Amino acid sequence: MVEADAHRHRSGQSVTRKRKKATIAHQCHLNRLCAKLENKQLRLPEFLASIGNCVRLV
């Protein structure tokens, strides 16, 4: 699998992978938080607390 990805990269093709459901859900949650902050539905301290609760360490 790694060799196939390396070959695709060398030939200029994109190396796309299926995103996991958990990753998609996490990104949606972060996008919603950012939208709420932008629309002034959340204040900065609440936003930072929410971001701190959903941080994923990889």
C-alpha atoms as a PDB file:
ATOM      1  CA  MET A   1       0.000   0.000   0.000  1.00  0.00           C
ATOM      2  CA  VAL A   2       2.799   2.418   0.831  1.00  0.00           C
ATOM      3  CA  GLU A   3       4.596   1.533  -2.395  1.00  0.00           C
ATOM      4  CA  ALA A   4       1.428   2.189  -4.390  1.00  0.00           C
ATOM      5  CA  ASP A   5       1.010   5.592  -2.709  1.00  0.00           C
ATOM      6  CA  ALA A   6       4.660   6.449  -3.412  1.00  0.00           C
ATOM      7  CA  HIS A   7       4.210   5.443  -7.067  1.00  0.00           C
ATOM      8  CA  ARG A   8       1.071   7.595  -7.394  1.00  0.00           C
ATOM      9  CA  HIS A   9       2.867  10.543  -5.798  1.00  0.00           C
ATOM     10  CA  ARG A  10       5.843  10.201  -8.152  1.00  0.00           C
ATOM     11  CA  SER A  11       3.578  10.028 -11.191  1.00  0.00           C
ATOM     12  CA  GLY A  12       1.700  13.156 -10.122  1.00  0.00           C
ATOM     13  CA  GLN A  13      -1.570  11.483  -9.177  1.00  0.00           C
ATOM     14  CA  SER A  14      -3.276  12.434  -5.959  1.00  0.00           C
ATOM     15  CA  VAL A  15      -3.085  10.084  -3.043  1.00  0.00           C
ATOM     16  CA  THR A  16      -6.584  10.141  -1.593  1.00  0.00           C
ATOM     17  CA  ARG A  17      -7.701   8.119   1.350  1.00  0.00           C
ATOM     18  CA  LYS A  18     -11.094   7.560   2.857  1.00  0.00           C
ATOM     19  CA  ARG A  19     -11.631   9.791   5.863  1.00  0.00           C
ATOM     20  CA  LYS A  20     -12.783   8.083   9.027  1.00  0.00           C
ATOM     21  CA  LYS A  21     -16.205   8.913  10.431  1.00  0.00           C
ATOM     22  CA  ALA A  22     -14.639  10.066  13.685  1.00  0.00           C
ATOM     23  CA  THR A  23     -12.387  12.502  11.819  1.00  0.00           C
ATOM     24  CA  ILE A  24     -15.325  13.901   9.863  1.00  0.00           C
ATOM     25  CA  ALA A  25     -17.379  14.315  13.056  1.00  0.00           C
ATOM     26  CA  HIS A  26     -14.470  16.038  14.804  1.00  0.00           C
ATOM     27  CA  GLN A  27     -13.978  18.462  11.906  1.00  0.00           C
ATOM     28  CA  CYS A  28     -17.709  19.234  11.804  1.00  0.00           C
ATOM     29  CA  HIS A  29     -17.683  19.967  15.528  1.00  0.00           C
ATOM     30  CA  LEU A  30     -14.735  22.339  15.147  1.00  0.00           C
ATOM     31  CA  ASN A  31     -16.377  24.057  12.165  1.00  0.00           C
ATOM     32  CA  ARG A  32     -19.587  24.564  14.155  1.00  0.00           C
ATOM     33  CA  LEU A  33     -17.638  26.080  17.044  1.00  0.00           C
ATOM     34  CA  CYS A  34     -15.841  28.455  14.687  1.00  0.00           C
ATOM     35  CA  ALA A  35     -19.127  29.464  13.043  1.00  0.00           C
ATOM     36  CA  LYS A  36     -20.701  30.162  16.441  1.00  0.00           C
ATOM     37  CA  LEU A  37     -17.734  32.313  17.412  1.00  0.00           C
ATOM     38  CA  GLU A  38     -17.935  34.206  14.137  1.00  0.00           C
ATOM     39  CA  ASN A  39     -21.693  34.803  14.565  1.00  0.00           C
ATOM     40  CA  LYS A  40     -21.101  35.980  18.135  1.00  0.00           C
ATOM     41  CA  GLN A  41     -23.139  33.118  19.604  1.00  0.00           C
ATOM     42  CA  LEU A  42     -20.109  32.141  21.710  1.00  0.00           C
ATOM     43  CA  ARG A  43     -17.775  34.405  23.596  1.00  0.00           C
ATOM     44  CA  LEU A  44     -14.047  33.825  23.374  1.00  0.00           C
ATOM     45  CA  PRO A  45     -13.632  32.166  26.813  1.00  0.00           C
ATOM     46  CA  GLU A  46     -16.479  29.725  26.024  1.00  0.00           C
ATOM     47  CA  PHE A  47     -14.980  29.025  22.613  1.00  0.00           C
ATOM     48  CA  LEU A  48     -11.546  28.316  24.046  1.00  0.00           C
ATOM     49  CA  ALA A  49     -13.008  26.052  26.720  1.00  0.00           C
ATOM     50  CA  SER A  50     -14.927  24.116  24.064  1.00  0.00           C
ATOM     51  CA  ILE A  51     -11.849  23.806  21.858  1.00  0.00           C
ATOM     52  CA  GLY A  52      -9.852  22.632  24.875  1.00  0.00           C
ATOM     53  CA  ASN A  53     -12.407  19.908  25.555  1.00  0.00           C
ATOM     54  CA  CYS A  54     -12.318  18.527  22.031  1.00  0.00           C
ATOM     55  CA  VAL A  55      -8.583  18.621  21.353  1.00  0.00           C
ATOM     56  CA  ARG A  56      -7.318  15.364  19.890  1.00  0.00           C
ATOM     57  CA  LEU A  57      -3.745  14.417  20.565  1.00  0.00           C
ATOM     58  CA  VAL A  58      -2.351  12.244  17.833  1.00  0.00           C
END
